[in-house]
Each structure stands twice: as C-alpha cells, then as structure tokens.
C-alpha cells in the first residue's frame, strides 16, 4: 500500500512540474538500438521512475533494471520501484556486489536498460564508484548521465541531501553525452573513465545550479 501511495505521489508531483529538457546529443530523439545504462546521483532518485515512463518508455523499450542496495532502506525503495514495473537487482559494493554485477550484466545483455546511482547507497556524495564502469565494460552498453533540478524543492538532511521537488515548480531535465567504456582497459584508463563520468555528472549539476529561475513550460 505504501509503495502504491508513493508511486501516486511521485507521478502527481512530476505531472505538475513545468519541464524543460536539455538533450544536446539527441538521445531522446534518436533512441539507441541497444541497451543503455542510466547513471544519476543518489539524491535524484525521486523523479527518475516518472521520467523514465514519461520520456523513455515505449513498447520497444519497456524493460529497465535498477541496482538497489541490499539494506533495509533498499527494501523500502524496491517496494516503490516495483510499482513502476521496474526490475530491482539487490546489491552494493558492501553486500552482494559481485552477484549483483553478474545479474545486471545478464539483464543488460538480454536487452534491459539499466539504472544505477554511482555514488550510492551510502556515498560519499557525488563520488562515482567503479561498479557502473565495470557494467559498461562487460556489456559494452553506453552510460547515459542524467540529472534534474527544480526551482522549488525540499533538500533532506541526509548523507546525500535527497531532493524532493515541490509541486508546480519549473524543472530541467539534463541528459549528458553517452560515455563509452571499451573492453580491455588498463587500470589507469579504467580510472580515467570513472573520473570522466563523475565530472560529467557534476557538470550537469553545475548546469542546474546556473539555470535561470524562469525556464519555460
């Protein structure tokens, strides 16, 4: 019941926001044929299920797997994401990490898109962990950096400063250019890709911070 109530809440708030979409690479216009790995900071989880349904979902692209912590908090989040028909794979760097990576790899290779918070589930905030790079390397799926922000919001007093948008605010969805991770990288090259993704995501957030107060409907 709580899961359904939160799905309704997220959908209702999302539908009241006046959206502006910034997608310079044209990902939404020219949908890739193969699976994609969406990367977004942990504090932006609130609207991502709604945005997936609004901008990405179709009969051809209706399957997405989300990596969720194996903790009790992750169990609560799973109950919400299930109501959006998202497949939840439980695991993190501290619990079920290797098994979760194998499960995500199998699903992406089967045609599922993936959603990962590279700084989750416990941070440090805005520090990209290596799991998303490993998944991209194993599957050869591009990583799509995603961020959103709103002009009016509640910022929670949590480790990630979780963001809850206020209804009827002006909102911006920003999609970065895909990050491609080649197979057979050296340790130095692998670390370079991790830093690249981290910097792209931080850059999207900097764009949010500098956005004008009136963004258009």
Foldseek 3Di string as FASTA:
>chain_A
DVLVVLLVVLLVQVVQAAEDEADVVCCLVPPDPAAAEEEEAPLQPSNVLVVCVVRPDDPLQPAEEEEFEPDPVSVVVVSNVVVSVYHYQYHDPVGCLVVSLVVLLVVRLVRHHYYYHQQDDQGQALQGDLSVLVSCASNQHWYKYKDKDWLAWQQDPGNHRRTGHDHNTYMYIYIDDTQTHYHPDDPVVSVVSSVVSSVRNVVVVVCVVPDDRDDGD
